[in-house]
Amino acid sequence: MKGDPRRPSNVIYYKQTIDEKKETPPDYYHFIAVLFAMFGFMFKSKWGGWLALLTFCCGFTSARSQTTDYGQLITTFSMIIVSLVTNYMWIFKS
């Protein structure tokens, strides 16, 4: 086009930068979940198990599939289950 004022040689393409420092890595959430699960298990604290489950869910939803360690996820989730089962064992005893 003859009257087009745009210059294709002067176009600067946008490259999105990813600032990963603002996000908390999911591994921190899993570590905190393990701490809460151990607290709930050792001190028979129900809220420790529930907080562990909550932080585990937060870490699981923010995890990226490339960096996910499934062994750690299974271990953390099993510790949470053990913590909750030991705290609510009185329901199953009759």
PDB file of N, CA and C in Angstrom:
ATOM      1  N   MET A   1       0.847  -1.172   0.000  1.00  0.00           N
ATOM      2  CA  MET A   1       0.000   0.000   0.000  1.00  0.00           C
ATOM      3  C   MET A   1       0.892   1.233   0.000  1.00  0.00           C
ATOM      4  N   LYS A   2       0.496   2.167  -0.800  1.00  0.00           N
ATOM      5  CA  LYS A   2       1.353   3.312  -1.003  1.00  0.00           C
ATOM      6  C   LYS A   2       1.281   4.318   0.137  1.00  0.00           C
ATOM      7  N   GLY A   3       0.119   4.563   0.722  1.00  0.00           N
ATOM      8  CA  GLY A   3      -0.019   5.585   1.745  1.00  0.00           C
ATOM      9  C   GLY A   3       0.048   5.038   3.170  1.00  0.00           C
ATOM     10  N   ASP A   4       0.569   3.842   3.393  1.00  0.00           N
ATOM     11  CA  ASP A   4       0.624   3.227   4.720  1.00  0.00           C
ATOM     12  C   ASP A   4       1.818   3.793   5.501  1.00  0.00           C
ATOM     13  N   PRO A   5       1.557   4.492   6.653  1.00  0.00           N
ATOM     14  CA  PRO A   5       2.664   5.095   7.397  1.00  0.00           C
ATOM     15  C   PRO A   5       3.436   4.099   8.272  1.00  0.00           C
ATOM     16  N   ARG A   6       2.949   2.880   8.408  1.00  0.00           N
ATOM     17  CA  ARG A   6       3.633   1.900   9.263  1.00  0.00           C
ATOM     18  C   ARG A   6       4.895   1.392   8.584  1.00  0.00           C
ATOM     19  N   ARG A   7       5.904   1.132   9.425  1.00  0.00           N
ATOM     20  CA  ARG A   7       7.169   0.622   8.918  1.00  0.00           C
ATOM     21  C   ARG A   7       7.425  -0.751   9.550  1.00  0.00           C
ATOM     22  N   PRO A   8       7.332  -1.796   8.778  1.00  0.00           N
ATOM     23  CA  PRO A   8       7.520  -3.137   9.352  1.00  0.00           C
ATOM     24  C   PRO A   8       8.922  -3.348   9.920  1.00  0.00           C
ATOM     25  N   SER A   9       9.887  -2.611   9.489  1.00  0.00           N
ATOM     26  CA  SER A   9      11.245  -2.794  10.016  1.00  0.00           C
ATOM     27  C   SER A   9      11.412  -2.173  11.397  1.00  0.00           C
ATOM     28  N   ASN A  10      10.518  -1.277  11.800  1.00  0.00           N
ATOM     29  CA  ASN A  10      10.613  -0.628  13.110  1.00  0.00           C
ATOM     30  C   ASN A  10       9.686  -1.245  14.157  1.00  0.00           C
ATOM     31  N   VAL A  11       9.072  -2.348  13.845  1.00  0.00           N
ATOM     32  CA  VAL A  11       8.153  -2.999  14.777  1.00  0.00           C
ATOM     33  C   VAL A  11       8.954  -3.679  15.887  1.00  0.00           C
ATOM     34  N   ILE A  12       8.574  -3.397  17.134  1.00  0.00           N
ATOM     35  CA  ILE A  12       9.200  -4.042  18.293  1.00  0.00           C
ATOM     36  C   ILE A  12       8.169  -5.006  18.872  1.00  0.00           C
ATOM     37  N   TYR A  13       8.473  -6.286  18.817  1.00  0.00           N
ATOM     38  CA  TYR A  13       7.544  -7.302  19.286  1.00  0.00           C
ATOM     39  C   TYR A  13       7.602  -7.419  20.801  1.00  0.00           C
ATOM     40  N   TYR A  14       6.459  -7.658  21.396  1.00  0.00           N
ATOM     41  CA  TYR A  14       6.342  -7.765  22.850  1.00  0.00           C
ATOM     42  C   TYR A  14       6.721  -9.168  23.296  1.00  0.00           C
ATOM     43  N   LYS A  15       7.611  -9.242  24.278  1.00  0.00           N
ATOM     44  CA  LYS A  15       7.978 -10.515  24.882  1.00  0.00           C
ATOM     45  C   LYS A  15       7.593 -10.454  26.354  1.00  0.00           C
ATOM     46  N   GLN A  16       6.718 -11.355  26.754  1.00  0.00           N
ATOM     47  CA  GLN A  16       6.230 -11.353  28.132  1.00  0.00           C
ATOM     48  C   GLN A  16       7.300 -11.937  29.050  1.00  0.00           C
ATOM     49  N   THR A  17       7.603 -11.205  30.096  1.00  0.00           N
ATOM     50  CA  THR A  17       8.561 -11.702  31.074  1.00  0.00           C
ATOM     51  C   THR A  17       7.803 -12.326  32.230  1.00  0.00           C
ATOM     52  N   ILE A  18       8.312 -13.425  32.715  1.00  0.00           N
ATOM     53  CA  ILE A  18       7.676 -14.133  33.820  1.00  0.00           C
ATOM     54  C   ILE A  18       8.473 -13.845  35.079  1.00  0.00           C
ATOM     55  N   ASP A  19       7.805 -13.247  36.051  1.00  0.00           N
ATOM     56  CA  ASP A  19       8.444 -12.952  37.326  1.00  0.00           C
ATOM     57  C   ASP A  19       8.034 -14.034  38.312  1.00  0.00           C
ATOM     58  N   GLU A  20       8.903 -15.037  38.497  1.00  0.00           N
ATOM     59  CA  GLU A  20       8.574 -16.176  39.345  1.00  0.00           C
ATOM     60  C   GLU A  20       8.862 -15.912  40.815  1.00  0.00           C
ATOM     61  N   LYS A  21       9.420 -14.767  41.143  1.00  0.00           N
ATOM     62  CA  LYS A  21       9.738 -14.470  42.533  1.00  0.00           C
ATOM     63  C   LYS A  21       8.501 -14.129  43.351  1.00  0.00           C
ATOM     64  N   LYS A  22       7.421 -13.740  42.697  1.00  0.00           N
ATOM     65  CA  LYS A  22       6.226 -13.334  43.421  1.00  0.00           C
ATOM     66  C   LYS A  22       5.424 -14.518  43.932  1.00  0.00           C
ATOM     67  N   GLU A  23       5.583 -15.683  43.325  1.00  0.00           N
ATOM     68  CA  GLU A  23       4.813 -16.849  43.716  1.00  0.00           C
ATOM     69  C   GLU A  23       5.588 -17.689  44.721  1.00  0.00           C
ATOM     70  N   THR A  24       4.840 -18.275  45.654  1.00  0.00           N
ATOM     71  CA  THR A  24       5.444 -19.215  46.586  1.00  0.00           C
ATOM     72  C   THR A  24       5.512 -20.577  45.919  1.00  0.00           C
ATOM     73  N   PRO A  25       6.668 -21.203  45.921  1.00  0.00           N
ATOM     74  CA  PRO A  25       6.758 -22.524  45.295  1.00  0.00           C
ATOM     75  C   PRO A  25       5.867 -23.534  46.017  1.00  0.00           C
ATOM     76  N   PRO A  26       5.264 -24.455  45.288  1.00  0.00           N
ATOM     77  CA  PRO A  26       4.383 -25.441  45.910  1.00  0.00           C
ATOM     78  C   PRO A  26       5.090 -26.336  46.912  1.00  0.00           C
ATOM     79  N   ASP A  27       6.403 -26.478  46.784  1.00  0.00           N
ATOM     80  CA  ASP A  27       7.134 -27.320  47.731  1.00  0.00           C
ATOM     81  C   ASP A  27       7.051 -26.755  49.141  1.00  0.00           C
ATOM     82  N   TYR A  28       6.987 -25.456  49.281  1.00  0.00           N
ATOM     83  CA  TYR A  28       6.837 -24.858  50.606  1.00  0.00           C
ATOM     84  C   TYR A  28       5.490 -25.228  51.212  1.00  0.00           C
ATOM     85  N   TYR A  29       4.473 -25.243  50.390  1.00  0.00           N
ATOM     86  CA  TYR A  29       3.152 -25.635  50.883  1.00  0.00           C
ATOM     87  C   TYR A  29       3.159 -27.077  51.369  1.00  0.00           C
ATOM     88  N   HIS A  30       3.826 -27.943  50.630  1.00  0.00           N
ATOM     89  CA  HIS A  30       3.864 -29.353  51.027  1.00  0.00           C
ATOM     90  C   HIS A  30       4.685 -29.537  52.305  1.00  0.00           C
ATOM     91  N   PHE A  31       5.746 -28.773  52.440  1.00  0.00           N
ATOM     92  CA  PHE A  31       6.542 -28.859  53.661  1.00  0.00           C
ATOM     93  C   PHE A  31       5.736 -28.388  54.872  1.00  0.00           C
ATOM     94  N   ILE A  32       5.004 -27.300  54.706  1.00  0.00           N
ATOM     95  CA  ILE A  32       4.158 -26.804  55.799  1.00  0.00           C
ATOM     96  C   ILE A  32       3.050 -27.810  56.107  1.00  0.00           C
ATOM     97  N   ALA A  33       2.513 -28.456  55.069  1.00  0.00           N
ATOM     98  CA  ALA A  33       1.487 -29.480  55.279  1.00  0.00           C
ATOM     99  C   ALA A  33       2.046 -30.650  56.077  1.00  0.00           C
ATOM    100  N   VAL A  34       3.281 -31.038  55.806  1.00  0.00           N
ATOM    101  CA  VAL A  34       3.906 -32.123  56.576  1.00  0.00           C
ATOM    102  C   VAL A  34       4.081 -31.707  58.034  1.00  0.00           C
ATOM    103  N   LEU A  35       4.481 -30.466  58.258  1.00  0.00           N
ATOM    104  CA  LEU A  35       4.645 -29.997  59.637  1.00  0.00           C
ATOM    105  C   LEU A  35       3.313 -30.010  60.384  1.00  0.00           C
ATOM    106  N   PHE A  36       2.257 -29.526  59.748  1.00  0.00           N
ATOM    107  CA  PHE A  36       0.940 -29.541  60.390  1.00  0.00           C
ATOM    108  C   PHE A  36       0.447 -30.967  60.627  1.00  0.00           C
ATOM    109  N   ALA A  37       0.702 -31.851  59.670  1.00  0.00           N
ATOM    110  CA  ALA A  37       0.270 -33.244  59.826  1.00  0.00           C
ATOM    111  C   ALA A  37       1.007 -33.910  60.983  1.00  0.00           C
ATOM    112  N   MET A  38       2.289 -33.653  61.108  1.00  0.00           N
ATOM    113  CA  MET A  38       3.053 -34.224  62.228  1.00  0.00           C
ATOM    114  C   MET A  38       2.584 -33.643  63.557  1.00  0.00           C
ATOM    115  N   PHE A  39       2.275 -32.363  63.577  1.00  0.00           N
ATOM    116  CA  PHE A  39       1.751 -31.748  64.788  1.00  0.00           C
ATOM    117  C   PHE A  39       0.413 -32.363  65.172  1.00  0.00           C
ATOM    118  N   GLY A  40      -0.456 -32.554  64.188  1.00  0.00           N
ATOM    119  CA  GLY A  40      -1.748 -33.159  64.456  1.00  0.00           C
ATOM    120  C   GLY A  40      -1.635 -34.598  64.903  1.00  0.00           C
ATOM    121  N   PHE A  41      -0.672 -35.323  64.355  1.00  0.00           N
ATOM    122  CA  PHE A  41      -0.479 -36.726  64.721  1.00  0.00           C
ATOM    123  C   PHE A  41       0.128 -36.875  66.107  1.00  0.00           C
ATOM    124  N   MET A  42       1.142 -36.084  66.387  1.00  0.00           N
ATOM    125  CA  MET A  42       1.872 -36.248  67.651  1.00  0.00           C
ATOM    126  C   MET A  42       1.100 -35.692  68.846  1.00  0.00           C
ATOM    127  N   PHE A  43       0.409 -34.583  68.666  1.00  0.00           N
ATOM    128  CA  PHE A  43      -0.275 -33.936  69.775  1.00  0.00           C
ATOM    129  C   PHE A  43      -1.783 -34.154  69.768  1.00  0.00           C
ATOM    130  N   LYS A  44      -2.255 -35.062  68.903  1.00  0.00           N
ATOM    131  CA  LYS A  44      -3.691 -35.375  68.799  1.00  0.00           C
ATOM    132  C   LYS A  44      -4.516 -34.106  68.591  1.00  0.00           C
ATOM    133  N   SER A  45      -4.073 -33.283  67.681  1.00  0.00           N
ATOM    134  CA  SER A  45      -4.738 -32.019  67.382  1.00  0.00           C
ATOM    135  C   SER A  45      -5.484 -32.145  66.062  1.00  0.00           C
ATOM    136  N   LYS A  46      -6.803 -31.984  66.118  1.00  0.00           N
ATOM    137  CA  LYS A  46      -7.611 -32.117  64.906  1.00  0.00           C
ATOM    138  C   LYS A  46      -7.353 -30.978  63.935  1.00  0.00           C
ATOM    139  N   TRP A  47      -7.158 -29.785  64.459  1.00  0.00           N
ATOM    140  CA  TRP A  47      -6.959 -28.651  63.557  1.00  0.00           C
ATOM    141  C   TRP A  47      -5.628 -28.750  62.822  1.00  0.00           C
ATOM    142  N   GLY A  48      -4.660 -29.451  63.407  1.00  0.00           N
ATOM    143  CA  GLY A  48      -3.384 -29.653  62.706  1.00  0.00           C
ATOM    144  C   GLY A  48      -3.568 -30.474  61.442  1.00  0.00           C
ATOM    145  N   GLY A  49      -4.379 -31.512  61.529  1.00  0.00           N
ATOM    146  CA  GLY A  49      -4.653 -32.328  60.348  1.00  0.00           C
ATOM    147  C   GLY A  49      -5.435 -31.590  59.288  1.00  0.00           C
ATOM    148  N   TRP A  50      -6.412 -30.791  59.724  1.00  0.00           N
ATOM    149  CA  TRP A  50      -7.208 -30.040  58.764  1.00  0.00           C
ATOM    150  C   TRP A  50      -6.407 -28.911  58.112  1.00  0.00           C
ATOM    151  N   LEU A  51      -5.538 -28.266  58.876  1.00  0.00           N
ATOM    152  CA  LEU A  51      -4.664 -27.243  58.279  1.00  0.00           C
ATOM    153  C   LEU A  51      -3.680 -27.873  57.296  1.00  0.00           C
ATOM    154  N   ALA A  52      -3.222 -29.073  57.635  1.00  0.00           N
ATOM    155  CA  ALA A  52      -2.331 -29.784  56.715  1.00  0.00           C
ATOM    156  C   ALA A  52      -3.049 -30.084  55.403  1.00  0.00           C
ATOM    157  N   LEU A  53      -4.302 -30.511  55.492  1.00  0.00           N
ATOM    158  CA  LEU A  53      -5.064 -30.790  54.274  1.00  0.00           C
ATOM    159  C   LEU A  53      -5.297 -29.513  53.470  1.00  0.00           C
ATOM    160  N   LEU A  54      -5.563 -28.415  54.144  1.00  0.00           N
ATOM    161  CA  LEU A  54      -5.780 -27.147  53.458  1.00  0.00           C
ATOM    162  C   LEU A  54      -4.515 -26.666  52.743  1.00  0.00           C
ATOM    163  N   THR A  55      -3.390 -26.703  53.423  1.00  0.00           N
ATOM    164  CA  THR A  55      -2.150 -26.260  52.778  1.00  0.00           C
ATOM    165  C   THR A  55      -1.721 -27.218  51.673  1.00  0.00           C
ATOM    166  N   PHE A  56      -2.022 -28.505  51.840  1.00  0.00           N
ATOM    167  CA  PHE A  56      -1.724 -29.460  50.763  1.00  0.00           C
ATOM    168  C   PHE A  56      -2.531 -29.131  49.515  1.00  0.00           C
ATOM    169  N   CYS A  57      -3.803 -28.809  49.691  1.00  0.00           N
ATOM    170  CA  CYS A  57      -4.649 -28.456  48.544  1.00  0.00           C
ATOM    171  C   CYS A  57      -4.170 -27.169  47.870  1.00  0.00           C
ATOM    172  N   CYS A  58      -3.719 -26.212  48.667  1.00  0.00           N
ATOM    173  CA  CYS A  58      -3.184 -24.965  48.088  1.00  0.00           C
ATOM    174  C   CYS A  58      -1.932 -25.252  47.267  1.00  0.00           C
ATOM    175  N   GLY A  59      -1.053 -26.079  47.793  1.00  0.00           N
ATOM    176  CA  GLY A  59       0.159 -26.424  47.060  1.00  0.00           C
ATOM    177  C   GLY A  59      -0.121 -27.273  45.841  1.00  0.00           C
ATOM    178  N   PHE A  60      -1.111 -28.157  45.931  1.00  0.00           N
ATOM    179  CA  PHE A  60      -1.436 -29.032  44.809  1.00  0.00           C
ATOM    180  C   PHE A  60      -2.034 -28.247  43.651  1.00  0.00           C
ATOM    181  N   THR A  61      -2.883 -27.261  43.963  1.00  0.00           N
ATOM    182  CA  THR A  61      -3.495 -26.483  42.889  1.00  0.00           C
ATOM    183  C   THR A  61      -2.525 -25.505  42.242  1.00  0.00           C
ATOM    184  N   SER A  62      -1.503 -25.072  42.963  1.00  0.00           N
ATOM    185  CA  SER A  62      -0.545 -24.130  42.376  1.00  0.00           C
ATOM    186  C   SER A  62       0.693 -24.811  41.809  1.00  0.00           C
ATOM    187  N   ALA A  63       0.740 -26.127  41.849  1.00  0.00           N
ATOM    188  CA  ALA A  63       1.911 -26.853  41.332  1.00  0.00           C
ATOM    189  C   ALA A  63       1.880 -26.888  39.810  1.00  0.00           C
ATOM    190  N   ARG A  64       3.044 -26.837  39.230  1.00  0.00           N
ATOM    191  CA  ARG A  64       3.161 -26.976  37.782  1.00  0.00           C
ATOM    192  C   ARG A  64       3.467 -28.433  37.471  1.00  0.00           C
ATOM    193  N   SER A  65       2.965 -28.898  36.364  1.00  0.00           N
ATOM    194  CA  SER A  65       3.107 -30.318  36.047  1.00  0.00           C
ATOM    195  C   SER A  65       4.557 -30.701  35.725  1.00  0.00           C
ATOM    196  N   GLN A  66       5.382 -29.751  35.286  1.00  0.00           N
ATOM    197  CA  GLN A  66       6.764 -30.082  34.948  1.00  0.00           C
ATOM    198  C   GLN A  66       7.614 -30.304  36.189  1.00  0.00           C
ATOM    199  N   THR A  67       7.310 -29.598  37.270  1.00  0.00           N
ATOM    200  CA  THR A  67       8.165 -29.668  38.452  1.00  0.00           C
ATOM    201  C   THR A  67       7.553 -30.492  39.575  1.00  0.00           C
ATOM    202  N   THR A  68       6.496 -31.229  39.304  1.00  0.00           N
ATOM    203  CA  THR A  68       5.795 -31.961  40.350  1.00  0.00           C
ATOM    204  C   THR A  68       6.522 -33.258  40.667  1.00  0.00           C
ATOM    205  N   ASP A  69       6.776 -33.465  41.951  1.00  0.00           N
ATOM    206  CA  ASP A  69       7.355 -34.711  42.430  1.00  0.00           C
ATOM    207  C   ASP A  69       6.219 -35.525  43.038  1.00  0.00           C
ATOM    208  N   TYR A  70       5.764 -36.531  42.303  1.00  0.00           N
ATOM    209  CA  TYR A  70       4.582 -37.280  42.726  1.00  0.00           C
ATOM    210  C   TYR A  70       4.852 -38.124  43.961  1.00  0.00           C
ATOM    211  N   GLY A  71       6.085 -38.535  44.168  1.00  0.00           N
ATOM    212  CA  GLY A  71       6.416 -39.276  45.384  1.00  0.00           C
ATOM    213  C   GLY A  71       6.214 -38.431  46.629  1.00  0.00           C
ATOM    214  N   GLN A  72       6.605 -37.171  46.545  1.00  0.00           N
ATOM    215  CA  GLN A  72       6.414 -36.259  47.669  1.00  0.00           C
ATOM    216  C   GLN A  72       4.932 -35.978  47.896  1.00  0.00           C
ATOM    217  N   LEU A  73       4.171 -35.871  46.821  1.00  0.00           N
ATOM    218  CA  LEU A  73       2.733 -35.651  46.962  1.00  0.00           C
ATOM    219  C   LEU A  73       2.060 -36.825  47.666  1.00  0.00           C
ATOM    220  N   ILE A  74       2.412 -38.034  47.283  1.00  0.00           N
ATOM    221  CA  ILE A  74       1.809 -39.219  47.883  1.00  0.00           C
ATOM    222  C   ILE A  74       2.198 -39.331  49.344  1.00  0.00           C
ATOM    223  N   THR A  75       3.461 -39.054  49.654  1.00  0.00           N
ATOM    224  CA  THR A  75       3.921 -39.123  51.040  1.00  0.00           C
ATOM    225  C   THR A  75       3.223 -38.086  51.912  1.00  0.00           C
ATOM    226  N   THR A  76       3.123 -36.871  51.415  1.00  0.00           N
ATOM    227  CA  THR A  76       2.467 -35.811  52.182  1.00  0.00           C
ATOM    228  C   THR A  76       0.991 -36.128  52.399  1.00  0.00           C
ATOM    229  N   PHE A  77       0.320 -36.581  51.353  1.00  0.00           N
ATOM    230  CA  PHE A  77      -1.104 -36.892  51.483  1.00  0.00           C
ATOM    231  C   PHE A  77      -1.337 -38.071  52.428  1.00  0.00           C
ATOM    232  N   SER A  78      -0.459 -39.063  52.392  1.00  0.00           N
ATOM    233  CA  SER A  78      -0.624 -40.198  53.309  1.00  0.00           C
ATOM    234  C   SER A  78      -0.386 -39.779  54.755  1.00  0.00           C
ATOM    235  N   MET A  79       0.536 -38.854  54.994  1.00  0.00           N
ATOM    236  CA  MET A  79       0.738 -38.356  56.354  1.00  0.00           C
ATOM    237  C   MET A  79      -0.486 -37.594  56.845  1.00  0.00           C
ATOM    238  N   ILE A  80      -1.120 -36.850  55.965  1.00  0.00           N
ATOM    239  CA  ILE A  80      -2.331 -36.122  56.339  1.00  0.00           C
ATOM    240  C   ILE A  80      -3.452 -37.097  56.672  1.00  0.00           C
ATOM    241  N   ILE A  81      -3.591 -38.135  55.881  1.00  0.00           N
ATOM    242  CA  ILE A  81      -4.624 -39.137  56.140  1.00  0.00           C
ATOM    243  C   ILE A  81      -4.381 -39.835  57.468  1.00  0.00           C
ATOM    244  N   VAL A  82      -3.127 -40.189  57.753  1.00  0.00           N
ATOM    245  CA  VAL A  82      -2.799 -40.832  59.035  1.00  0.00           C
ATOM    246  C   VAL A  82      -3.119 -39.893  60.194  1.00  0.00           C
ATOM    247  N   SER A  83      -2.807 -38.629  60.037  1.00  0.00           N
ATOM    248  CA  SER A  83      -3.083 -37.657  61.086  1.00  0.00           C
ATOM    249  C   SER A  83      -4.583 -37.535  61.353  1.00  0.00           C
ATOM    250  N   LEU A  84      -5.371 -37.456  60.303  1.00  0.00           N
ATOM    251  CA  LEU A  84      -6.813 -37.322  60.478  1.00  0.00           C
ATOM    252  C   LEU A  84      -7.449 -38.609  61.007  1.00  0.00           C
ATOM    253  N   VAL A  85      -6.969 -39.751  60.552  1.00  0.00           N
ATOM    254  CA  VAL A  85      -7.532 -41.018  61.013  1.00  0.00           C
ATOM    255  C   VAL A  85      -7.229 -41.241  62.490  1.00  0.00           C
ATOM    256  N   THR A  86      -6.015 -40.923  62.915  1.00  0.00           N
ATOM    257  CA  THR A  86      -5.692 -41.111  64.335  1.00  0.00           C
ATOM    258  C   THR A  86      -6.480 -40.151  65.223  1.00  0.00           C
ATOM    259  N   ASN A  87      -6.792 -38.984  64.725  1.00  0.00           N
ATOM    260  CA  ASN A  87      -7.573 -38.034  65.520  1.00  0.00           C
ATOM    261  C   ASN A  87      -9.052 -38.383  65.586  1.00  0.00           C
ATOM    262  N   TYR A  88      -9.557 -39.042  64.556  1.00  0.00           N
ATOM    263  CA  TYR A  88     -10.971 -39.401  64.539  1.00  0.00           C
ATOM    264  C   TYR A  88     -11.190 -40.898  64.735  1.00  0.00           C
ATOM    265  N   MET A  89     -10.231 -41.598  65.322  1.00  0.00           N
ATOM    266  CA  MET A  89     -10.348 -43.031  65.524  1.00  0.00           C
ATOM    267  C   MET A  89     -11.449 -43.366  66.515  1.00  0.00           C
ATOM    268  N   TRP A  90     -11.760 -42.478  67.422  1.00  0.00           N
ATOM    269  CA  TRP A  90     -12.786 -42.741  68.430  1.00  0.00           C
ATOM    270  C   TRP A  90     -14.164 -42.942  67.819  1.00  0.00           C
ATOM    271  N   ILE A  91     -14.364 -42.432  66.606  1.00  0.00           N
ATOM    272  CA  ILE A  91     -15.656 -42.608  65.937  1.00  0.00           C
ATOM    273  C   ILE A  91     -15.861 -44.083  65.548  1.00  0.00           C
ATOM    274  N   PHE A  92     -14.758 -44.748  65.145  1.00  0.00           N
ATOM    275  CA  PHE A  92     -14.851 -46.115  64.660  1.00  0.00           C
ATOM    276  C   PHE A  92     -14.846 -47.157  65.780  1.00  0.00           C
ATOM    277  N   LYS A  93     -14.433 -46.766  66.968  1.00  0.00           N
ATOM    278  CA  LYS A  93     -14.431 -47.705  68.088  1.00  0.00           C
ATOM    279  C   LYS A  93     -15.823 -47.770  68.696  1.00  0.00           C
ATOM    280  N   SER A  94     -16.279 -48.968  68.958  1.00  0.00           N
ATOM    281  CA  SER A  94     -17.593 -49.096  69.576  1.00  0.00           C
ATOM    282  C   SER A  94     -17.613 -50.153  70.660  1.00  0.00           C
TER     283      SER A  94
END
